[in-house]
Amino acid sequence: MEAKASLKYARVGAQKARLVADLVRGKKVDYALKTLSFMNQKSAELFKKLIESAVANAEFKKTMDVERLIVKTIYVDQGPSLKRFRPRAQGRAFGVKKKTSHLNVVLEEK
C-alpha cells in the first residue's frame, strides 16, 4: 500500500527543492523528519509538512503500520513562473520570474 501527498504551486524554485528531496529519498520517515527539521532551506519545511500529511493519510487508511513507512518516491516538478517587474533607473523595468514548484511524496510500508 502507498500513502501520497502533494503540494502544488509552492513558492520555491524546483532546482533548490530537488537538493532537499534527494537527501530524504529512500529513508525511513522518522529519519527524514528529523533531518528536515534541522535543515535551513525553505523547501525543507515544506517537505516536512508534506511527509507529515502523507503519514496522516496512511493513518487514516488504517492498512499500514506507520512505524515501518519509508519515503518511496519524492520528486519535484516545475510549476508556472509568476512574472513581475522591477523598476530600474530612467523609467526602465526589468522582468523578474518568481518560480513555483509542485512537490510530491509517496510513502510505502517496508
PDB file of N, CA and C in Angstrom:
ATOM      1  N   MET A   1       0.840  -1.183   0.000  1.00  0.00           N
ATOM      2  CA  MET A   1       0.000   0.000   0.000  1.00  0.00           C
ATOM      3  C   MET A   1       0.886   1.247   0.000  1.00  0.00           C
ATOM      4  N   GLU A   2       0.299   2.318  -0.481  1.00  0.00           N
ATOM      5  CA  GLU A   2       1.007   3.583  -0.563  1.00  0.00           C
ATOM      6  C   GLU A   2       0.158   4.689   0.043  1.00  0.00           C
ATOM      7  N   ALA A   3       0.836   5.697   0.545  1.00  0.00           N
ATOM      8  CA  ALA A   3       0.190   6.917   1.014  1.00  0.00           C
ATOM      9  C   ALA A   3       0.838   8.083   0.285  1.00  0.00           C
ATOM     10  N   LYS A   4      -0.005   8.955  -0.274  1.00  0.00           N
ATOM     11  CA  LYS A   4       0.502  10.045  -1.099  1.00  0.00           C
ATOM     12  C   LYS A   4       0.116  11.388  -0.504  1.00  0.00           C
ATOM     13  N   ALA A   5       0.920  12.400  -0.841  1.00  0.00           N
ATOM     14  CA  ALA A   5       0.594  13.787  -0.527  1.00  0.00           C
ATOM     15  C   ALA A   5       1.298  14.660  -1.551  1.00  0.00           C
ATOM     16  N   SER A   6       0.665  15.761  -1.899  1.00  0.00           N
ATOM     17  CA  SER A   6       1.280  16.661  -2.872  1.00  0.00           C
ATOM     18  C   SER A   6       0.976  18.108  -2.500  1.00  0.00           C
ATOM     19  N   LEU A   7       1.877  18.976  -2.917  1.00  0.00           N
ATOM     20  CA  LEU A   7       1.733  20.413  -2.702  1.00  0.00           C
ATOM     21  C   LEU A   7       1.959  21.090  -4.040  1.00  0.00           C
ATOM     22  N   LYS A   8       0.973  21.795  -4.509  1.00  0.00           N
ATOM     23  CA  LYS A   8       1.059  22.466  -5.800  1.00  0.00           C
ATOM     24  C   LYS A   8       1.352  23.952  -5.601  1.00  0.00           C
ATOM     25  N   TYR A   9       2.056  24.528  -6.549  1.00  0.00           N
ATOM     26  CA  TYR A   9       2.349  25.956  -6.614  1.00  0.00           C
ATOM     27  C   TYR A   9       3.104  26.468  -5.390  1.00  0.00           C
ATOM     28  N   ALA A  10       4.056  25.695  -4.896  1.00  0.00           N
ATOM     29  CA  ALA A  10       4.886  26.138  -3.775  1.00  0.00           C
ATOM     30  C   ALA A  10       5.855  27.200  -4.278  1.00  0.00           C
ATOM     31  N   ARG A  11       6.033  28.269  -3.523  1.00  0.00           N
ATOM     32  CA  ARG A  11       6.885  29.371  -3.953  1.00  0.00           C
ATOM     33  C   ARG A  11       8.356  29.109  -3.638  1.00  0.00           C
ATOM     34  N   VAL A  12       8.889  28.098  -4.290  1.00  0.00           N
ATOM     35  CA  VAL A  12      10.296  27.763  -4.162  1.00  0.00           C
ATOM     36  C   VAL A  12      10.735  27.214  -5.514  1.00  0.00           C
ATOM     37  N   GLY A  13      11.955  27.497  -5.898  1.00  0.00           N
ATOM     38  CA  GLY A  13      12.455  27.025  -7.179  1.00  0.00           C
ATOM     39  C   GLY A  13      12.619  25.516  -7.188  1.00  0.00           C
ATOM     40  N   ALA A  14      12.382  24.909  -8.329  1.00  0.00           N
ATOM     41  CA  ALA A  14      12.449  23.449  -8.426  1.00  0.00           C
ATOM     42  C   ALA A  14      13.873  22.940  -8.198  1.00  0.00           C
ATOM     43  N   GLN A  15      14.862  23.655  -8.694  1.00  0.00           N
ATOM     44  CA  GLN A  15      16.242  23.200  -8.556  1.00  0.00           C
ATOM     45  C   GLN A  15      16.663  23.189  -7.086  1.00  0.00           C
ATOM     46  N   LYS A  16      16.255  24.195  -6.331  1.00  0.00           N
ATOM     47  CA  LYS A  16      16.591  24.246  -4.908  1.00  0.00           C
ATOM     48  C   LYS A  16      15.832  23.184  -4.117  1.00  0.00           C
ATOM     49  N   ALA A  17      14.591  22.924  -4.498  1.00  0.00           N
ATOM     50  CA  ALA A  17      13.798  21.920  -3.792  1.00  0.00           C
ATOM     51  C   ALA A  17      14.314  20.513  -4.066  1.00  0.00           C
ATOM     52  N   ARG A  18      14.839  20.271  -5.255  1.00  0.00           N
ATOM     53  CA  ARG A  18      15.367  18.937  -5.587  1.00  0.00           C
ATOM     54  C   ARG A  18      16.575  18.580  -4.729  1.00  0.00           C
ATOM     55  N   LEU A  19      17.360  19.569  -4.321  1.00  0.00           N
ATOM     56  CA  LEU A  19      18.507  19.298  -3.449  1.00  0.00           C
ATOM     57  C   LEU A  19      18.053  18.718  -2.118  1.00  0.00           C
ATOM     58  N   VAL A  20      16.947  19.224  -1.588  1.00  0.00           N
ATOM     59  CA  VAL A  20      16.401  18.729  -0.325  1.00  0.00           C
ATOM     60  C   VAL A  20      15.743  17.367  -0.529  1.00  0.00           C
ATOM     61  N   ALA A  21      15.039  17.205  -1.642  1.00  0.00           N
ATOM     62  CA  ALA A  21      14.345  15.942  -1.909  1.00  0.00           C
ATOM     63  C   ALA A  21      15.331  14.786  -2.042  1.00  0.00           C
ATOM     64  N   ASP A  22      16.497  15.049  -2.614  1.00  0.00           N
ATOM     65  CA  ASP A  22      17.494  13.994  -2.805  1.00  0.00           C
ATOM     66  C   ASP A  22      18.029  13.455  -1.476  1.00  0.00           C
ATOM     67  N   LEU A  23      17.990  14.279  -0.423  1.00  0.00           N
ATOM     68  CA  LEU A  23      18.527  13.855   0.871  1.00  0.00           C
ATOM     69  C   LEU A  23      17.651  12.840   1.585  1.00  0.00           C
ATOM     70  N   VAL A  24      16.345  12.886   1.367  1.00  0.00           N
ATOM     71  CA  VAL A  24      15.441  12.023   2.136  1.00  0.00           C
ATOM     72  C   VAL A  24      14.841  10.889   1.308  1.00  0.00           C
ATOM     73  N   ARG A  25      15.148  10.829   0.035  1.00  0.00           N
ATOM     74  CA  ARG A  25      14.595   9.777  -0.824  1.00  0.00           C
ATOM     75  C   ARG A  25      15.098   8.409  -0.363  1.00  0.00           C
ATOM     76  N   GLY A  26      14.179   7.472  -0.115  1.00  0.00           N
ATOM     77  CA  GLY A  26      14.532   6.123   0.296  1.00  0.00           C
ATOM     78  C   GLY A  26      14.771   5.939   1.783  1.00  0.00           C
ATOM     79  N   LYS A  27      14.671   6.989   2.564  1.00  0.00           N
ATOM     80  CA  LYS A  27      14.934   6.921   4.005  1.00  0.00           C
ATOM     81  C   LYS A  27      13.652   6.591   4.769  1.00  0.00           C
ATOM     82  N   LYS A  28      13.820   6.167   6.031  1.00  0.00           N
ATOM     83  CA  LYS A  28      12.679   5.959   6.911  1.00  0.00           C
ATOM     84  C   LYS A  28      12.051   7.308   7.237  1.00  0.00           C
ATOM     85  N   VAL A  29      10.751   7.287   7.514  1.00  0.00           N
ATOM     86  CA  VAL A  29      10.016   8.522   7.717  1.00  0.00           C
ATOM     87  C   VAL A  29      10.519   9.283   8.938  1.00  0.00           C
ATOM     88  N   ASP A  30      10.769   8.599  10.047  1.00  0.00           N
ATOM     89  CA  ASP A  30      11.230   9.306  11.247  1.00  0.00           C
ATOM     90  C   ASP A  30      12.606   9.924  11.030  1.00  0.00           C
ATOM     91  N   TYR A  31      13.485   9.233  10.302  1.00  0.00           N
ATOM     92  CA  TYR A  31      14.805   9.789   9.983  1.00  0.00           C
ATOM     93  C   TYR A  31      14.664  11.001   9.062  1.00  0.00           C
ATOM     94  N   ALA A  32      13.775  10.913   8.091  1.00  0.00           N
ATOM     95  CA  ALA A  32      13.569  12.012   7.150  1.00  0.00           C
ATOM     96  C   ALA A  32      13.027  13.249   7.867  1.00  0.00           C
ATOM     97  N   LEU A  33      12.077  13.056   8.777  1.00  0.00           N
ATOM     98  CA  LEU A  33      11.510  14.192   9.505  1.00  0.00           C
ATOM     99  C   LEU A  33      12.545  14.855  10.404  1.00  0.00           C
ATOM    100  N   LYS A  34      13.390  14.056  11.047  1.00  0.00           N
ATOM    101  CA  LYS A  34      14.445  14.627  11.887  1.00  0.00           C
ATOM    102  C   LYS A  34      15.458  15.400  11.048  1.00  0.00           C
ATOM    103  N   THR A  35      15.806  14.854   9.901  1.00  0.00           N
ATOM    104  CA  THR A  35      16.753  15.527   9.019  1.00  0.00           C
ATOM    105  C   THR A  35      16.184  16.850   8.523  1.00  0.00           C
ATOM    106  N   LEU A  36      14.943  16.846   8.108  1.00  0.00           N
ATOM    107  CA  LEU A  36      14.330  18.051   7.568  1.00  0.00           C
ATOM    108  C   LEU A  36      14.112  19.122   8.630  1.00  0.00           C
ATOM    109  N   SER A  37      13.883  18.722   9.867  1.00  0.00           N
ATOM    110  CA  SER A  37      13.624  19.712  10.906  1.00  0.00           C
ATOM    111  C   SER A  37      14.867  20.537  11.243  1.00  0.00           C
ATOM    112  N   PHE A  38      16.066  20.023  10.948  1.00  0.00           N
ATOM    113  CA  PHE A  38      17.289  20.761  11.257  1.00  0.00           C
ATOM    114  C   PHE A  38      17.913  21.425  10.030  1.00  0.00           C
ATOM    115  N   MET A  39      17.265  21.338   8.888  1.00  0.00           N
ATOM    116  CA  MET A  39      17.794  21.977   7.680  1.00  0.00           C
ATOM    117  C   MET A  39      17.341  23.427   7.616  1.00  0.00           C
ATOM    118  N   ASN A  40      18.148  24.245   6.961  1.00  0.00           N
ATOM    119  CA  ASN A  40      17.904  25.678   6.932  1.00  0.00           C
ATOM    120  C   ASN A  40      17.243  26.143   5.632  1.00  0.00           C
ATOM    121  N   GLN A  41      16.929  25.238   4.715  1.00  0.00           N
ATOM    122  CA  GLN A  41      16.316  25.618   3.453  1.00  0.00           C
ATOM    123  C   GLN A  41      14.806  25.813   3.612  1.00  0.00           C
ATOM    124  N   LYS A  42      14.258  26.658   2.762  1.00  0.00           N
ATOM    125  CA  LYS A  42      12.824  26.920   2.791  1.00  0.00           C
ATOM    126  C   LYS A  42      12.037  25.670   2.414  1.00  0.00           C
ATOM    127  N   SER A  43      12.538  24.925   1.433  1.00  0.00           N
ATOM    128  CA  SER A  43      11.814  23.747   0.970  1.00  0.00           C
ATOM    129  C   SER A  43      11.842  22.612   1.991  1.00  0.00           C
ATOM    130  N   ALA A  44      12.776  22.628   2.932  1.00  0.00           N
ATOM    131  CA  ALA A  44      12.830  21.576   3.956  1.00  0.00           C
ATOM    132  C   ALA A  44      11.574  21.615   4.825  1.00  0.00           C
ATOM    133  N   GLU A  45      11.128  22.797   5.179  1.00  0.00           N
ATOM    134  CA  GLU A  45       9.911  22.921   5.986  1.00  0.00           C
ATOM    135  C   GLU A  45       8.682  22.465   5.192  1.00  0.00           C
ATOM    136  N   LEU A  46       8.664  22.784   3.898  1.00  0.00           N
ATOM    137  CA  LEU A  46       7.546  22.354   3.058  1.00  0.00           C
ATOM    138  C   LEU A  46       7.501  20.834   2.933  1.00  0.00           C
ATOM    139  N   PHE A  47       8.661  20.209   2.735  1.00  0.00           N
ATOM    140  CA  PHE A  47       8.706  18.750   2.632  1.00  0.00           C
ATOM    141  C   PHE A  47       8.370  18.088   3.962  1.00  0.00           C
ATOM    142  N   LYS A  48       8.761  18.700   5.068  1.00  0.00           N
ATOM    143  CA  LYS A  48       8.446  18.141   6.385  1.00  0.00           C
ATOM    144  C   LYS A  48       6.930  18.089   6.590  1.00  0.00           C
ATOM    145  N   LYS A  49       6.250  19.182   6.267  1.00  0.00           N
ATOM    146  CA  LYS A  49       4.794  19.209   6.401  1.00  0.00           C
ATOM    147  C   LYS A  49       4.137  18.231   5.437  1.00  0.00           C
ATOM    148  N   LEU A  50       4.731  18.088   4.256  1.00  0.00           N
ATOM    149  CA  LEU A  50       4.170  17.195   3.248  1.00  0.00           C
ATOM    150  C   LEU A  50       4.293  15.740   3.679  1.00  0.00           C
ATOM    151  N   ILE A  51       5.419  15.364   4.259  1.00  0.00           N
ATOM    152  CA  ILE A  51       5.607  13.994   4.748  1.00  0.00           C
ATOM    153  C   ILE A  51       4.670  13.724   5.923  1.00  0.00           C
ATOM    154  N   GLU A  52       4.507  14.714   6.800  1.00  0.00           N
ATOM    155  CA  GLU A  52       3.577  14.546   7.915  1.00  0.00           C
ATOM    156  C   GLU A  52       2.144  14.360   7.414  1.00  0.00           C
ATOM    157  N   SER A  53       1.791  15.051   6.335  1.00  0.00           N
ATOM    158  CA  SER A  53       0.465  14.889   5.748  1.00  0.00           C
ATOM    159  C   SER A  53       0.298  13.491   5.152  1.00  0.00           C
ATOM    160  N   ALA A  54       1.341  12.980   4.508  1.00  0.00           N
ATOM    161  CA  ALA A  54       1.274  11.631   3.942  1.00  0.00           C
ATOM    162  C   ALA A  54       1.164  10.584   5.048  1.00  0.00           C
ATOM    163  N   VAL A  55       1.838  10.808   6.171  1.00  0.00           N
ATOM    164  CA  VAL A  55       1.731   9.894   7.316  1.00  0.00           C
ATOM    165  C   VAL A  55       0.299   9.928   7.865  1.00  0.00           C
ATOM    166  N   ALA A  56      -0.295  11.114   7.930  1.00  0.00           N
ATOM    167  CA  ALA A  56      -1.679  11.222   8.390  1.00  0.00           C
ATOM    168  C   ALA A  56      -2.629  10.501   7.429  1.00  0.00           C
ATOM    169  N   ASN A  57      -2.330  10.572   6.140  1.00  0.00           N
ATOM    170  CA  ASN A  57      -3.142   9.845   5.166  1.00  0.00           C
ATOM    171  C   ASN A  57      -3.014   8.338   5.362  1.00  0.00           C
ATOM    172  N   ALA A  58      -1.799   7.883   5.696  1.00  0.00           N
ATOM    173  CA  ALA A  58      -1.578   6.455   5.943  1.00  0.00           C
ATOM    174  C   ALA A  58      -2.321   5.998   7.199  1.00  0.00           C
ATOM    175  N   GLU A  59      -2.331   6.835   8.235  1.00  0.00           N
ATOM    176  CA  GLU A  59      -3.062   6.503   9.463  1.00  0.00           C
ATOM    177  C   GLU A  59      -4.564   6.428   9.194  1.00  0.00           C
ATOM    178  N   PHE A  60      -5.038   7.312   8.341  1.00  0.00           N
ATOM    179  CA  PHE A  60      -6.466   7.342   8.042  1.00  0.00           C
ATOM    180  C   PHE A  60      -6.908   6.083   7.303  1.00  0.00           C
ATOM    181  N   LYS A  61      -6.050   5.547   6.438  1.00  0.00           N
ATOM    182  CA  LYS A  61      -6.390   4.321   5.703  1.00  0.00           C
ATOM    183  C   LYS A  61      -6.454   3.101   6.615  1.00  0.00           C
ATOM    184  N   LYS A  62      -5.657   3.112   7.681  1.00  0.00           N
ATOM    185  CA  LYS A  62      -5.617   2.036   8.678  1.00  0.00           C
ATOM    186  C   LYS A  62      -5.224   0.683   8.073  1.00  0.00           C
ATOM    187  N   THR A  63      -4.455   0.706   6.995  1.00  0.00           N
ATOM    188  CA  THR A  63      -3.979  -0.546   6.405  1.00  0.00           C
ATOM    189  C   THR A  63      -2.467  -0.664   6.487  1.00  0.00           C
ATOM    190  N   MET A  64      -1.803   0.383   6.988  1.00  0.00           N
ATOM    191  CA  MET A  64      -0.337   0.389   7.052  1.00  0.00           C
ATOM    192  C   MET A  64       0.133   0.638   8.471  1.00  0.00           C
ATOM    193  N   ASP A  65       1.290   0.073   8.789  1.00  0.00           N
ATOM    194  CA  ASP A  65       1.943   0.336  10.061  1.00  0.00           C
ATOM    195  C   ASP A  65       2.798   1.592   9.902  1.00  0.00           C
ATOM    196  N   VAL A  66       2.472   2.642  10.649  1.00  0.00           N
ATOM    197  CA  VAL A  66       3.125   3.931  10.486  1.00  0.00           C
ATOM    198  C   VAL A  66       4.601   3.864  10.864  1.00  0.00           C
ATOM    199  N   GLU A  67       4.962   2.966  11.758  1.00  0.00           N
ATOM    200  CA  GLU A  67       6.357   2.848  12.195  1.00  0.00           C
ATOM    201  C   GLU A  67       7.267   2.295  11.111  1.00  0.00           C
ATOM    202  N   ARG A  68       6.702   1.615  10.128  1.00  0.00           N
ATOM    203  CA  ARG A  68       7.519   0.956   9.104  1.00  0.00           C
ATOM    204  C   ARG A  68       7.515   1.683   7.762  1.00  0.00           C
ATOM    205  N   LEU A  69       7.040   2.923   7.743  1.00  0.00           N
ATOM    206  CA  LEU A  69       6.950   3.661   6.487  1.00  0.00           C
ATOM    207  C   LEU A  69       8.308   4.193   6.046  1.00  0.00           C
ATOM    208  N   ILE A  70       8.529   4.170   4.729  1.00  0.00           N
ATOM    209  CA  ILE A  70       9.715   4.781   4.130  1.00  0.00           C
ATOM    210  C   ILE A  70       9.262   5.731   3.023  1.00  0.00           C
ATOM    211  N   VAL A  71      10.160   6.626   2.651  1.00  0.00           N
ATOM    212  CA  VAL A  71       9.888   7.555   1.563  1.00  0.00           C
ATOM    213  C   VAL A  71      10.211   6.824   0.263  1.00  0.00           C
ATOM    214  N   LYS A  72       9.186   6.282  -0.369  1.00  0.00           N
ATOM    215  CA  LYS A  72       9.382   5.514  -1.601  1.00  0.00           C
ATOM    216  C   LYS A  72       9.767   6.438  -2.754  1.00  0.00           C
ATOM    217  N   THR A  73       8.964   7.468  -2.973  1.00  0.00           N
ATOM    218  CA  THR A  73       9.194   8.404  -4.068  1.00  0.00           C
ATOM    219  C   THR A  73       9.008   9.817  -3.556  1.00  0.00           C
ATOM    220  N   ILE A  74       9.930  10.686  -3.921  1.00  0.00           N
ATOM    221  CA  ILE A  74       9.793  12.102  -3.620  1.00  0.00           C
ATOM    222  C   ILE A  74      10.369  12.845  -4.816  1.00  0.00           C
ATOM    223  N   TYR A  75       9.540  13.670  -5.432  1.00  0.00           N
ATOM    224  CA  TYR A  75      10.014  14.369  -6.625  1.00  0.00           C
ATOM    225  C   TYR A  75       9.417  15.764  -6.720  1.00  0.00           C
ATOM    226  N   VAL A  76      10.079  16.583  -7.522  1.00  0.00           N
ATOM    227  CA  VAL A  76       9.712  17.983  -7.673  1.00  0.00           C
ATOM    228  C   VAL A  76       9.514  18.273  -9.153  1.00  0.00           C
ATOM    229  N   ASP A  77       8.368  18.825  -9.493  1.00  0.00           N
ATOM    230  CA  ASP A  77       8.101  19.275 -10.850  1.00  0.00           C
ATOM    231  C   ASP A  77       8.056  20.796 -10.862  1.00  0.00           C
ATOM    232  N   GLN A  78       8.474  21.373 -11.979  1.00  0.00           N
ATOM    233  CA  GLN A  78       8.459  22.819 -12.092  1.00  0.00           C
ATOM    234  C   GLN A  78       7.051  23.306 -12.365  1.00  0.00           C
ATOM    235  N   GLY A  79       6.643  24.334 -11.634  1.00  0.00           N
ATOM    236  CA  GLY A  79       5.332  24.936 -11.836  1.00  0.00           C
ATOM    237  C   GLY A  79       5.445  26.187 -12.690  1.00  0.00           C
ATOM    238  N   PRO A  80       4.353  26.897 -12.853  1.00  0.00           N
ATOM    239  CA  PRO A  80       4.397  28.132 -13.644  1.00  0.00           C
ATOM    240  C   PRO A  80       5.155  29.229 -12.906  1.00  0.00           C
ATOM    241  N   SER A  81       5.771  30.112 -13.679  1.00  0.00           N
ATOM    242  CA  SER A  81       6.503  31.232 -13.093  1.00  0.00           C
ATOM    243  C   SER A  81       5.600  32.451 -13.012  1.00  0.00           C
ATOM    244  N   LEU A  82       5.684  33.143 -11.882  1.00  0.00           N
ATOM    245  CA  LEU A  82       4.962  34.406 -11.734  1.00  0.00           C
ATOM    246  C   LEU A  82       5.828  35.497 -12.343  1.00  0.00           C
ATOM    247  N   LYS A  83       5.303  36.237 -13.287  1.00  0.00           N
ATOM    248  CA  LYS A  83       6.086  37.259 -13.980  1.00  0.00           C
ATOM    249  C   LYS A  83       5.819  38.611 -13.331  1.00  0.00           C
ATOM    250  N   ARG A  84       6.873  39.205 -12.808  1.00  0.00           N
ATOM    251  CA  ARG A  84       6.806  40.501 -12.141  1.00  0.00           C
ATOM    252  C   ARG A  84       7.831  41.440 -12.774  1.00  0.00           C
ATOM    253  N   PHE A  85       7.717  42.723 -12.454  1.00  0.00           N
ATOM    254  CA  PHE A  85       8.658  43.706 -12.975  1.00  0.00           C
ATOM    255  C   PHE A  85       9.309  44.465 -11.839  1.00  0.00           C
ATOM    256  N   ARG A  86      10.597  44.744 -12.010  1.00  0.00           N
ATOM    257  CA  ARG A  86      11.375  45.511 -11.038  1.00  0.00           C
ATOM    258  C   ARG A  86      11.692  46.870 -11.661  1.00  0.00           C
ATOM    259  N   PRO A  87      11.283  47.971 -11.038  1.00  0.00           N
ATOM    260  CA  PRO A  87      11.603  49.279 -11.615  1.00  0.00           C
ATOM    261  C   PRO A  87      13.106  49.555 -11.562  1.00  0.00           C
ATOM    262  N   ARG A  88      13.612  50.140 -12.640  1.00  0.00           N
ATOM    263  CA  ARG A  88      15.039  50.462 -12.739  1.00  0.00           C
ATOM    264  C   ARG A  88      15.190  51.948 -13.085  1.00  0.00           C
ATOM    265  N   ALA A  89      16.409  52.351 -13.260  1.00  0.00           N
ATOM    266  CA  ALA A  89      16.701  53.761 -13.499  1.00  0.00           C
ATOM    267  C   ALA A  89      16.149  54.227 -14.842  1.00  0.00           C
ATOM    268  N   GLN A  90      15.821  55.523 -14.911  1.00  0.00           N
ATOM    269  CA  GLN A  90      15.390  56.209 -16.123  1.00  0.00           C
ATOM    270  C   GLN A  90      14.117  55.595 -16.719  1.00  0.00           C
ATOM    271  N   GLY A  91      13.219  55.164 -15.869  1.00  0.00           N
ATOM    272  CA  GLY A  91      11.923  54.686 -16.315  1.00  0.00           C
ATOM    273  C   GLY A  91      11.899  53.302 -16.917  1.00  0.00           C
ATOM    274  N   ARG A  92      12.985  52.589 -16.831  1.00  0.00           N
ATOM    275  CA  ARG A  92      13.027  51.232 -17.379  1.00  0.00           C
ATOM    276  C   ARG A  92      12.462  50.236 -16.358  1.00  0.00           C
ATOM    277  N   ALA A  93      12.204  49.026 -16.836  1.00  0.00           N
ATOM    278  CA  ALA A  93      11.729  47.963 -15.959  1.00  0.00           C
ATOM    279  C   ALA A  93      12.374  46.653 -16.393  1.00  0.00           C
ATOM    280  N   PHE A  94      12.870  45.896 -15.425  1.00  0.00           N
ATOM    281  CA  PHE A  94      13.453  44.587 -15.700  1.00  0.00           C
ATOM    282  C   PHE A  94      12.480  43.517 -15.240  1.00  0.00           C
ATOM    283  N   GLY A  95      12.363  42.449 -16.009  1.00  0.00           N
ATOM    284  CA  GLY A  95      11.477  41.357 -15.652  1.00  0.00           C
ATOM    285  C   GLY A  95      12.073  40.463 -14.586  1.00  0.00           C
ATOM    286  N   VAL A  96      11.231  39.973 -13.708  1.00  0.00           N
ATOM    287  CA  VAL A  96      11.622  39.037 -12.658  1.00  0.00           C
ATOM    288  C   VAL A  96      10.679  37.844 -12.735  1.00  0.00           C
ATOM    289  N   LYS A  97      11.226  36.646 -12.770  1.00  0.00           N
ATOM    290  CA  LYS A  97      10.404  35.435 -12.753  1.00  0.00           C
ATOM    291  C   LYS A  97      10.477  34.815 -11.371  1.00  0.00           C
ATOM    292  N   LYS A  98       9.340  34.775 -10.689  1.00  0.00           N
ATOM    293  CA  LYS A  98       9.263  34.129  -9.385  1.00  0.00           C
ATOM    294  C   LYS A  98       8.785  32.709  -9.622  1.00  0.00           C
ATOM    295  N   LYS A  99       9.668  31.760  -9.414  1.00  0.00           N
ATOM    296  CA  LYS A  99       9.401  30.384  -9.800  1.00  0.00           C
ATOM    297  C   LYS A  99       8.569  29.646  -8.749  1.00  0.00           C
ATOM    298  N   THR A 100       7.779  28.696  -9.232  1.00  0.00           N
ATOM    299  CA  THR A 100       6.985  27.850  -8.354  1.00  0.00           C
ATOM    300  C   THR A 100       7.287  26.389  -8.660  1.00  0.00           C
ATOM    301  N   SER A 101       6.885  25.513  -7.739  1.00  0.00           N
ATOM    302  CA  SER A 101       7.153  24.085  -7.883  1.00  0.00           C
ATOM    303  C   SER A 101       5.952  23.280  -7.414  1.00  0.00           C
ATOM    304  N   HIS A 102       5.874  22.058  -7.906  1.00  0.00           N
ATOM    305  CA  HIS A 102       4.903  21.088  -7.435  1.00  0.00           C
ATOM    306  C   HIS A 102       5.673  19.990  -6.717  1.00  0.00           C
ATOM    307  N   LEU A 103       5.412  19.811  -5.414  1.00  0.00           N
ATOM    308  CA  LEU A 103       6.117  18.825  -4.595  1.00  0.00           C
ATOM    309  C   LEU A 103       5.225  17.602  -4.408  1.00  0.00           C
ATOM    310  N   ASN A 104       5.805  16.413  -4.544  1.00  0.00           N
ATOM    311  CA  ASN A 104       5.058  15.163  -4.425  1.00  0.00           C
ATOM    312  C   ASN A 104       5.813  14.160  -3.565  1.00  0.00           C
ATOM    313  N   VAL A 105       5.079  13.469  -2.692  1.00  0.00           N
ATOM    314  CA  VAL A 105       5.670  12.457  -1.807  1.00  0.00           C
ATOM    315  C   VAL A 105       4.799  11.207  -1.839  1.00  0.00           C
ATOM    316  N   VAL A 106       5.454  10.040  -1.939  1.00  0.00           N
ATOM    317  CA  VAL A 106       4.761   8.757  -1.841  1.00  0.00           C
ATOM    318  C   VAL A 106       5.475   7.936  -0.776  1.00  0.00           C
ATOM    319  N   LEU A 107       4.732   7.493   0.232  1.00  0.00           N
ATOM    320  CA  LEU A 107       5.270   6.649   1.303  1.00  0.00           C
ATOM    321  C   LEU A 107       4.821   5.223   1.081  1.00  0.00           C
ATOM    322  N   GLU A 108       5.701   4.291   1.496  1.00  0.00           N
ATOM    323  CA  GLU A 108       5.409   2.870   1.331  1.00  0.00           C
ATOM    324  C   GLU A 108       5.808   2.145   2.606  1.00  0.00           C
ATOM    325  N   GLU A 109       5.103   1.060   2.895  1.00  0.00           N
ATOM    326  CA  GLU A 109       5.453   0.261   4.059  1.00  0.00           C
ATOM    327  C   GLU A 109       6.548  -0.716   3.690  1.00  0.00           C
ATOM    328  N   LYS A 110       7.591  -0.735   4.478  1.00  0.00           N
ATOM    329  CA  LYS A 110       8.734  -1.620   4.208  1.00  0.00           C
ATOM    330  C   LYS A 110       8.598  -2.899   4.984  1.00  0.00           C
TER     331      LYS A 110
END
